[in-house]
Amino acid sequence: YGSVKHSVISVGCTIGKGAIVEDSVVMPGVVIE
């Protein structure tokens, strides 16, 4: 629901509204509010 730039988002993750993920590795099952 948010913004993802130059990142790897793994299986089953949730990225909430207004969240920003940049230059990052998000492993399985992570929740970002």
Full PDB file with SEQRES, HELIX, SHEET, SSBOND, CRYST1, ORIGX, SCALE, CONECT and MASTER records, all heavy atoms in Angstrom:
SEQRES   1 A   33  TYR GLY SER VAL LYS HIS SER VAL ILE SER VAL GLY CYS          
SEQRES   2 A   33  THR ILE GLY LYS GLY ALA ILE VAL GLU ASP SER VAL VAL          
SEQRES   3 A   33  MET PRO GLY VAL VAL ILE GLU                                  
SHEET    1 AA1 2 SER A   3  LYS A   5  0                                        
SHEET    2 AA1 2 ILE A  20  GLU A  22  1                                        
SHEET    1 AA2 2 VAL A   8  ILE A   9  0                                        
SHEET    2 AA2 2 VAL A  25  VAL A  26  1                                        
SHEET    1 AA3 2 THR A  14  ILE A  15  0                                        
SHEET    2 AA3 2 VAL A  31  ILE A  32  1                                        
CRYST1    1.000    1.000    1.000  90.00  90.00  90.00 P 1           1          
ORIGX1      1.000000  0.000000  0.000000        0.00000                         
ORIGX2      0.000000  1.000000  0.000000        0.00000                         
ORIGX3      0.000000  0.000000  1.000000        0.00000                         
SCALE1      1.000000  0.000000  0.000000        0.00000                         
SCALE2      0.000000  1.000000  0.000000        0.00000                         
SCALE3      0.000000  0.000000  1.000000        0.00000                         
ATOM      1  N   TYR A   1       0.830  -1.206   0.000  1.00  0.00           N  
ATOM      2  CA  TYR A   1       0.000   0.000   0.000  1.00  0.00           C  
ATOM      3  C   TYR A   1       0.869   1.262   0.000  1.00  0.00           C  
ATOM      4  O   TYR A   1       0.377   2.344  -0.259  1.00  0.00           O  
ATOM      5  CB  TYR A   1      -0.902   0.013   1.237  1.00  0.00           C  
ATOM      6  CG  TYR A   1      -1.810  -1.183   1.322  1.00  0.00           C  
ATOM      7  CD1 TYR A   1      -1.402  -2.338   1.988  1.00  0.00           C  
ATOM      8  CD2 TYR A   1      -3.075  -1.178   0.737  1.00  0.00           C  
ATOM      9  CE1 TYR A   1      -2.222  -3.454   2.077  1.00  0.00           C  
ATOM     10  CE2 TYR A   1      -3.909  -2.279   0.816  1.00  0.00           C  
ATOM     11  CZ  TYR A   1      -3.475  -3.419   1.487  1.00  0.00           C  
ATOM     12  OH  TYR A   1      -4.293  -4.521   1.563  1.00  0.00           O  
ATOM     13  N   GLY A   2       2.152   1.105   0.289  1.00  0.00           N  
ATOM     14  CA  GLY A   2       3.059   2.235   0.382  1.00  0.00           C  
ATOM     15  C   GLY A   2       4.010   2.318  -0.796  1.00  0.00           C  
ATOM     16  O   GLY A   2       3.694   1.892  -1.906  1.00  0.00           O  
ATOM     17  N   SER A   3       5.213   2.837  -0.534  1.00  0.00           N  
ATOM     18  CA  SER A   3       6.203   3.088  -1.579  1.00  0.00           C  
ATOM     19  C   SER A   3       7.396   2.154  -1.412  1.00  0.00           C  
ATOM     20  O   SER A   3       7.950   2.027  -0.310  1.00  0.00           O  
ATOM     21  CB  SER A   3       6.677   4.543  -1.503  1.00  0.00           C  
ATOM     22  OG  SER A   3       7.757   4.772  -2.379  1.00  0.00           O  
ATOM     23  N   VAL A   4       7.804   1.517  -2.514  1.00  0.00           N  
ATOM     24  CA  VAL A   4       8.947   0.600  -2.506  1.00  0.00           C  
ATOM     25  C   VAL A   4       9.879   0.995  -3.637  1.00  0.00           C  
ATOM     26  O   VAL A   4       9.460   1.087  -4.796  1.00  0.00           O  
ATOM     27  CB  VAL A   4       8.501  -0.870  -2.699  1.00  0.00           C  
ATOM     28  CG1 VAL A   4       9.712  -1.792  -2.727  1.00  0.00           C  
ATOM     29  CG2 VAL A   4       7.537  -1.287  -1.602  1.00  0.00           C  
ATOM     30  N   LYS A   5      11.149   1.211  -3.330  1.00  0.00           N  
ATOM     31  CA  LYS A   5      12.130   1.611  -4.337  1.00  0.00           C  
ATOM     32  C   LYS A   5      13.431   0.835  -4.138  1.00  0.00           C  
ATOM     33  O   LYS A   5      13.973   0.795  -3.035  1.00  0.00           O  
ATOM     34  CB  LYS A   5      12.396   3.118  -4.256  1.00  0.00           C  
ATOM     35  CG  LYS A   5      13.381   3.634  -5.297  1.00  0.00           C  
ATOM     36  CD  LYS A   5      13.573   5.143  -5.154  1.00  0.00           C  
ATOM     37  CE  LYS A   5      14.576   5.661  -6.190  1.00  0.00           C  
ATOM     38  NZ  LYS A   5      14.781   7.133  -6.046  1.00  0.00           N  
ATOM     39  N   HIS A   6      13.897   0.220  -5.217  1.00  0.00           N  
ATOM     40  CA  HIS A   6      15.189  -0.488  -5.227  1.00  0.00           C  
ATOM     41  C   HIS A   6      15.326  -1.408  -4.011  1.00  0.00           C  
ATOM     42  O   HIS A   6      16.257  -1.311  -3.219  1.00  0.00           O  
ATOM     43  CB  HIS A   6      16.347   0.518  -5.261  1.00  0.00           C  
ATOM     44  CG  HIS A   6      17.643  -0.119  -5.688  1.00  0.00           C  
ATOM     45  ND1 HIS A   6      18.676  -0.357  -4.815  1.00  0.00           N  
ATOM     46  CD2 HIS A   6      18.053  -0.580  -6.901  1.00  0.00           C  
ATOM     47  CE1 HIS A   6      19.681  -0.929  -5.457  1.00  0.00           C  
ATOM     48  NE2 HIS A   6      19.331  -1.075  -6.723  1.00  0.00           N  
ATOM     49  N   SER A   7      14.367  -2.320  -3.886  1.00  0.00           N  
ATOM     50  CA  SER A   7      14.328  -3.214  -2.732  1.00  0.00           C  
ATOM     51  C   SER A   7      13.861  -4.611  -3.146  1.00  0.00           C  
ATOM     52  O   SER A   7      13.289  -4.799  -4.223  1.00  0.00           O  
ATOM     53  CB  SER A   7      13.396  -2.652  -1.647  1.00  0.00           C  
ATOM     54  OG  SER A   7      13.901  -1.440  -1.127  1.00  0.00           O  
ATOM     55  N   VAL A   8      14.115  -5.571  -2.267  1.00  0.00           N  
ATOM     56  CA  VAL A   8      13.661  -6.945  -2.454  1.00  0.00           C  
ATOM     57  C   VAL A   8      12.641  -7.243  -1.363  1.00  0.00           C  
ATOM     58  O   VAL A   8      12.973  -7.212  -0.167  1.00  0.00           O  
ATOM     59  CB  VAL A   8      14.835  -7.935  -2.373  1.00  0.00           C  
ATOM     60  CG1 VAL A   8      14.320  -9.374  -2.466  1.00  0.00           C  
ATOM     61  CG2 VAL A   8      15.848  -7.663  -3.483  1.00  0.00           C  
ATOM     62  N   ILE A   9      11.398  -7.502  -1.773  1.00  0.00           N  
ATOM     63  CA  ILE A   9      10.311  -7.772  -0.839  1.00  0.00           C  
ATOM     64  C   ILE A   9       9.946  -9.251  -0.957  1.00  0.00           C  
ATOM     65  O   ILE A   9       9.500  -9.713  -2.008  1.00  0.00           O  
ATOM     66  CB  ILE A   9       9.071  -6.894  -1.133  1.00  0.00           C  
ATOM     67  CG1 ILE A   9       9.474  -5.423  -1.311  1.00  0.00           C  
ATOM     68  CG2 ILE A   9       8.044  -7.066  -0.024  1.00  0.00           C  
ATOM     69  CD1 ILE A   9      10.144  -4.797  -0.106  1.00  0.00           C  
ATOM     70  N   SER A  10      10.135  -9.985   0.117  1.00  0.00           N  
ATOM     71  CA  SER A  10       9.974 -11.435   0.084  1.00  0.00           C  
ATOM     72  C   SER A  10       8.520 -11.864   0.247  1.00  0.00           C  
ATOM     73  O   SER A  10       7.618 -11.042   0.448  1.00  0.00           O  
ATOM     74  CB  SER A  10      10.830 -12.069   1.182  1.00  0.00           C  
ATOM     75  OG  SER A  10      12.186 -11.741   1.014  1.00  0.00           O  
ATOM     76  N   VAL A  11       8.317 -13.153   0.184  1.00  0.00           N  
ATOM     77  CA  VAL A  11       6.993 -13.768   0.227  1.00  0.00           C  
ATOM     78  C   VAL A  11       6.215 -13.340   1.474  1.00  0.00           C  
ATOM     79  O   VAL A  11       6.739 -13.331   2.589  1.00  0.00           O  
ATOM     80  CB  VAL A  11       7.137 -15.297   0.196  1.00  0.00           C  
ATOM     81  CG1 VAL A  11       5.790 -15.974   0.431  1.00  0.00           C  
ATOM     82  CG2 VAL A  11       7.748 -15.765  -1.114  1.00  0.00           C  
ATOM     83  N   GLY A  12       4.936 -12.986   1.271  1.00  0.00           N  
ATOM     84  CA  GLY A  12       4.016 -12.797   2.383  1.00  0.00           C  
ATOM     85  C   GLY A  12       4.222 -11.559   3.228  1.00  0.00           C  
ATOM     86  O   GLY A  12       3.843 -11.540   4.405  1.00  0.00           O  
ATOM     87  N   CYS A  13       4.781 -10.506   2.658  1.00  0.00           N  
ATOM     88  CA  CYS A  13       5.015  -9.273   3.418  1.00  0.00           C  
ATOM     89  C   CYS A  13       3.876  -8.272   3.211  1.00  0.00           C  
ATOM     90  O   CYS A  13       3.209  -8.279   2.180  1.00  0.00           O  
ATOM     91  CB  CYS A  13       6.336  -8.623   2.997  1.00  0.00           C  
ATOM     92  SG  CYS A  13       7.791  -9.597   3.427  1.00  0.00           S  
ATOM     93  N   THR A  14       3.723  -7.394   4.190  1.00  0.00           N  
ATOM     94  CA  THR A  14       2.733  -6.325   4.098  1.00  0.00           C  
ATOM     95  C   THR A  14       3.434  -4.984   4.316  1.00  0.00           C  
ATOM     96  O   THR A  14       4.175  -4.820   5.294  1.00  0.00           O  
ATOM     97  CB  THR A  14       1.630  -6.487   5.157  1.00  0.00           C  
ATOM     98  OG1 THR A  14       0.962  -7.740   4.942  1.00  0.00           O  
ATOM     99  CG2 THR A  14       0.617  -5.350   5.058  1.00  0.00           C  
ATOM    100  N   ILE A  15       3.187  -4.045   3.400  1.00  0.00           N  
ATOM    101  CA  ILE A  15       3.764  -2.708   3.503  1.00  0.00           C  
ATOM    102  C   ILE A  15       2.612  -1.709   3.549  1.00  0.00           C  
ATOM    103  O   ILE A  15       1.868  -1.556   2.582  1.00  0.00           O  
ATOM    104  CB  ILE A  15       4.712  -2.425   2.324  1.00  0.00           C  
ATOM    105  CG1 ILE A  15       5.854  -3.450   2.350  1.00  0.00           C  
ATOM    106  CG2 ILE A  15       5.254  -1.000   2.386  1.00  0.00           C  
ATOM    107  CD1 ILE A  15       6.750  -3.406   1.146  1.00  0.00           C  
ATOM    108  N   GLY A  16       2.466  -1.077   4.685  1.00  0.00           N  
ATOM    109  CA  GLY A  16       1.284  -0.269   4.944  1.00  0.00           C  
ATOM    110  C   GLY A  16       1.239   1.056   4.201  1.00  0.00           C  
ATOM    111  O   GLY A  16       2.212   1.504   3.581  1.00  0.00           O  
ATOM    112  N   LYS A  17       0.108   1.682   4.271  1.00  0.00           N  
ATOM    113  CA  LYS A  17      -0.153   2.953   3.603  1.00  0.00           C  
ATOM    114  C   LYS A  17       0.824   4.024   4.116  1.00  0.00           C  
ATOM    115  O   LYS A  17       1.026   4.186   5.317  1.00  0.00           O  
ATOM    116  CB  LYS A  17      -1.594   3.385   3.843  1.00  0.00           C  
ATOM    117  CG  LYS A  17      -2.047   4.609   3.054  1.00  0.00           C  
ATOM    118  CD  LYS A  17      -3.507   4.880   3.307  1.00  0.00           C  
ATOM    119  CE  LYS A  17      -3.998   6.073   2.490  1.00  0.00           C  
ATOM    120  NZ  LYS A  17      -3.934   5.808   1.037  1.00  0.00           N  
ATOM    121  N   GLY A  18       1.436   4.725   3.206  1.00  0.00           N  
ATOM    122  CA  GLY A  18       2.357   5.793   3.573  1.00  0.00           C  
ATOM    123  C   GLY A  18       3.730   5.317   4.008  1.00  0.00           C  
ATOM    124  O   GLY A  18       4.614   6.143   4.282  1.00  0.00           O  
ATOM    125  N   ALA A  19       3.935   4.020   4.091  1.00  0.00           N  
ATOM    126  CA  ALA A  19       5.255   3.484   4.452  1.00  0.00           C  
ATOM    127  C   ALA A  19       6.212   3.654   3.276  1.00  0.00           C  
ATOM    128  O   ALA A  19       5.801   3.630   2.110  1.00  0.00           O  
ATOM    129  CB  ALA A  19       5.151   2.020   4.852  1.00  0.00           C  
ATOM    130  N   ILE A  20       7.503   3.803   3.581  1.00  0.00           N  
ATOM    131  CA  ILE A  20       8.534   3.964   2.556  1.00  0.00           C  
ATOM    132  C   ILE A  20       9.611   2.908   2.783  1.00  0.00           C  
ATOM    133  O   ILE A  20      10.152   2.795   3.889  1.00  0.00           O  
ATOM    134  CB  ILE A  20       9.163   5.373   2.616  1.00  0.00           C  
ATOM    135  CG1 ILE A  20       8.118   6.441   2.315  1.00  0.00           C  
ATOM    136  CG2 ILE A  20      10.339   5.475   1.656  1.00  0.00           C  
ATOM    137  CD1 ILE A  20       8.623   7.867   2.538  1.00  0.00           C  
ATOM    138  N   VAL A  21       9.912   2.136   1.737  1.00  0.00           N  
ATOM    139  CA  VAL A  21      10.975   1.129   1.791  1.00  0.00           C  
ATOM    140  C   VAL A  21      11.926   1.413   0.644  1.00  0.00           C  
ATOM    141  O   VAL A  21      11.524   1.362  -0.524  1.00  0.00           O  
ATOM    142  CB  VAL A  21      10.415  -0.304   1.684  1.00  0.00           C  
ATOM    143  CG1 VAL A  21      11.551  -1.321   1.741  1.00  0.00           C  
ATOM    144  CG2 VAL A  21       9.388  -0.571   2.774  1.00  0.00           C  
ATOM    145  N   GLU A  22      13.193   1.703   0.962  1.00  0.00           N  
ATOM    146  CA  GLU A  22      14.182   2.008  -0.067  1.00  0.00           C  
ATOM    147  C   GLU A  22      15.489   1.281   0.211  1.00  0.00           C  
ATOM    148  O   GLU A  22      15.934   1.197   1.355  1.00  0.00           O  
ATOM    149  CB  GLU A  22      14.449   3.520  -0.122  1.00  0.00           C  
ATOM    150  CG  GLU A  22      13.249   4.352  -0.542  1.00  0.00           C  
ATOM    151  CD  GLU A  22      13.558   5.842  -0.597  1.00  0.00           C  
ATOM    152  OE1 GLU A  22      14.679   6.231  -0.206  1.00  0.00           O  
ATOM    153  OE2 GLU A  22      12.673   6.617  -1.025  1.00  0.00           O  
ATOM    154  N   ASP A  23      16.098   0.726  -0.846  1.00  0.00           N  
ATOM    155  CA  ASP A  23      17.422   0.095  -0.754  1.00  0.00           C  
ATOM    156  C   ASP A  23      17.473  -0.915   0.388  1.00  0.00           C  
ATOM    157  O   ASP A  23      18.445  -0.952   1.160  1.00  0.00           O  
ATOM    158  CB  ASP A  23      18.502   1.166  -0.549  1.00  0.00           C  
ATOM    159  CG  ASP A  23      18.535   2.177  -1.682  1.00  0.00           C  
ATOM    160  OD1 ASP A  23      18.719   1.760  -2.835  1.00  0.00           O  
ATOM    161  OD2 ASP A  23      18.346   3.383  -1.403  1.00  0.00           O  
ATOM    162  N   SER A  24      16.459  -1.749   0.475  1.00  0.00           N  
ATOM    163  CA  SER A  24      16.348  -2.664   1.612  1.00  0.00           C  
ATOM    164  C   SER A  24      15.964  -4.074   1.183  1.00  0.00           C  
ATOM    165  O   SER A  24      15.438  -4.293   0.082  1.00  0.00           O  
ATOM    166  CB  SER A  24      15.330  -2.126   2.623  1.00  0.00           C  
ATOM    167  OG  SER A  24      15.792  -0.925   3.201  1.00  0.00           O  
ATOM    168  N   VAL A  25      16.217  -5.018   2.078  1.00  0.00           N  
ATOM    169  CA  VAL A  25      15.842  -6.419   1.899  1.00  0.00           C  
ATOM    170  C   VAL A  25      14.832  -6.757   2.983  1.00  0.00           C  
ATOM    171  O   VAL A  25      15.144  -6.674   4.180  1.00  0.00           O  
ATOM    172  CB  VAL A  25      17.059  -7.352   2.004  1.00  0.00           C  
ATOM    173  CG1 VAL A  25      16.629  -8.806   1.824  1.00  0.00           C  
ATOM    174  CG2 VAL A  25      18.124  -6.966   0.992  1.00  0.00           C  
ATOM    175  N   VAL A  26      13.625  -7.118   2.567  1.00  0.00           N  
ATOM    176  CA  VAL A  26      12.550  -7.443   3.503  1.00  0.00           C  
ATOM    177  C   VAL A  26      12.280  -8.939   3.374  1.00  0.00           C  
ATOM    178  O   VAL A  26      11.817  -9.416   2.335  1.00  0.00           O  
ATOM    179  CB  VAL A  26      11.284  -6.618   3.189  1.00  0.00           C  
ATOM    180  CG1 VAL A  26      10.175  -6.943   4.189  1.00  0.00           C  
ATOM    181  CG2 VAL A  26      11.604  -5.125   3.220  1.00  0.00           C  
ATOM    182  N   MET A  27      12.607  -9.690   4.422  1.00  0.00           N  
ATOM    183  CA  MET A  27      12.521 -11.141   4.383  1.00  0.00           C  
ATOM    184  C   MET A  27      11.087 -11.617   4.619  1.00  0.00           C  
ATOM    185  O   MET A  27      10.218 -10.819   4.958  1.00  0.00           O  
ATOM    186  CB  MET A  27      13.521 -11.733   5.376  1.00  0.00           C  
ATOM    187  CG  MET A  27      14.966 -11.445   4.965  1.00  0.00           C  
ATOM    188  SD  MET A  27      16.199 -12.190   6.047  1.00  0.00           S  
ATOM    189  CE  MET A  27      17.712 -11.681   5.203  1.00  0.00           C  
ATOM    190  N   PRO A  28      10.798 -12.904   4.433  1.00  0.00           N  
ATOM    191  CA  PRO A  28       9.411 -13.387   4.436  1.00  0.00           C  
ATOM    192  C   PRO A  28       8.630 -13.042   5.705  1.00  0.00           C  
ATOM    193  O   PRO A  28       9.143 -13.078   6.822  1.00  0.00           O  
ATOM    194  CB  PRO A  28       9.573 -14.901   4.290  1.00  0.00           C  
ATOM    195  CG  PRO A  28      10.847 -15.067   3.547  1.00  0.00           C  
ATOM    196  CD  PRO A  28      11.739 -13.985   4.063  1.00  0.00           C  
ATOM    197  N   GLY A  29       7.344 -12.713   5.488  1.00  0.00           N  
ATOM    198  CA  GLY A  29       6.412 -12.540   6.588  1.00  0.00           C  
ATOM    199  C   GLY A  29       6.530 -11.249   7.372  1.00  0.00           C  
ATOM    200  O   GLY A  29       5.905 -11.098   8.419  1.00  0.00           O  
ATOM    201  N   VAL A  30       7.281 -10.286   6.863  1.00  0.00           N  
ATOM    202  CA  VAL A  30       7.476  -9.025   7.584  1.00  0.00           C  
ATOM    203  C   VAL A  30       6.246  -8.131   7.429  1.00  0.00           C  
ATOM    204  O   VAL A  30       5.642  -8.055   6.358  1.00  0.00           O  
ATOM    205  CB  VAL A  30       8.734  -8.300   7.071  1.00  0.00           C  
ATOM    206  CG1 VAL A  30       8.811  -6.874   7.618  1.00  0.00           C  
ATOM    207  CG2 VAL A  30       9.986  -9.080   7.443  1.00  0.00           C  
ATOM    208  N   VAL A  31       5.908  -7.418   8.494  1.00  0.00           N  
ATOM    209  CA  VAL A  31       4.825  -6.438   8.473  1.00  0.00           C  
ATOM    210  C   VAL A  31       5.427  -5.062   8.738  1.00  0.00           C  
ATOM    211  O   VAL A  31       6.077  -4.845   9.769  1.00  0.00           O  
ATOM    212  CB  VAL A  31       3.753  -6.751   9.523  1.00  0.00           C  
ATOM    213  CG1 VAL A  31       2.705  -5.635   9.567  1.00  0.00           C  
ATOM    214  CG2 VAL A  31       3.090  -8.097   9.217  1.00  0.00           C  
ATOM    215  N   ILE A  32       5.194  -4.134   7.803  1.00  0.00           N  
ATOM    216  CA  ILE A  32       5.636  -2.751   7.951  1.00  0.00           C  
ATOM    217  C   ILE A  32       4.379  -1.891   8.009  1.00  0.00           C  
ATOM    218  O   ILE A  32       3.626  -1.807   7.039  1.00  0.00           O  
ATOM    219  CB  ILE A  32       6.539  -2.330   6.778  1.00  0.00           C  
ATOM    220  CG1 ILE A  32       7.779  -3.223   6.722  1.00  0.00           C  
ATOM    221  CG2 ILE A  32       6.938  -0.854   6.894  1.00  0.00           C  
ATOM    222  CD1 ILE A  32       8.626  -3.031   5.474  1.00  0.00           C  
ATOM    223  N   GLU A  33       4.143  -1.282   9.134  1.00  0.00           N  
ATOM    224  CA  GLU A  33       2.882  -0.563   9.336  1.00  0.00           C  
ATOM    225  C   GLU A  33       2.915   0.834   8.721  1.00  0.00           C  
ATOM    226  O   GLU A  33       3.946   1.309   8.227  1.00  0.00           O  
ATOM    227  CB  GLU A  33       2.566  -0.503  10.831  1.00  0.00           C  
ATOM    228  CG  GLU A  33       2.260  -1.873  11.427  1.00  0.00           C  
ATOM    229  CD  GLU A  33       1.794  -1.812  12.869  1.00  0.00           C  
ATOM    230  OE1 GLU A  33       1.957  -0.751  13.519  1.00  0.00           O  
ATOM    231  OE2 GLU A  33       1.261  -2.829  13.350  1.00  0.00           O  
TER     232      GLU A  33                                                      
MASTER        0    0    0    0    6    0    0    6  231    1    0    3          
END                                                                             
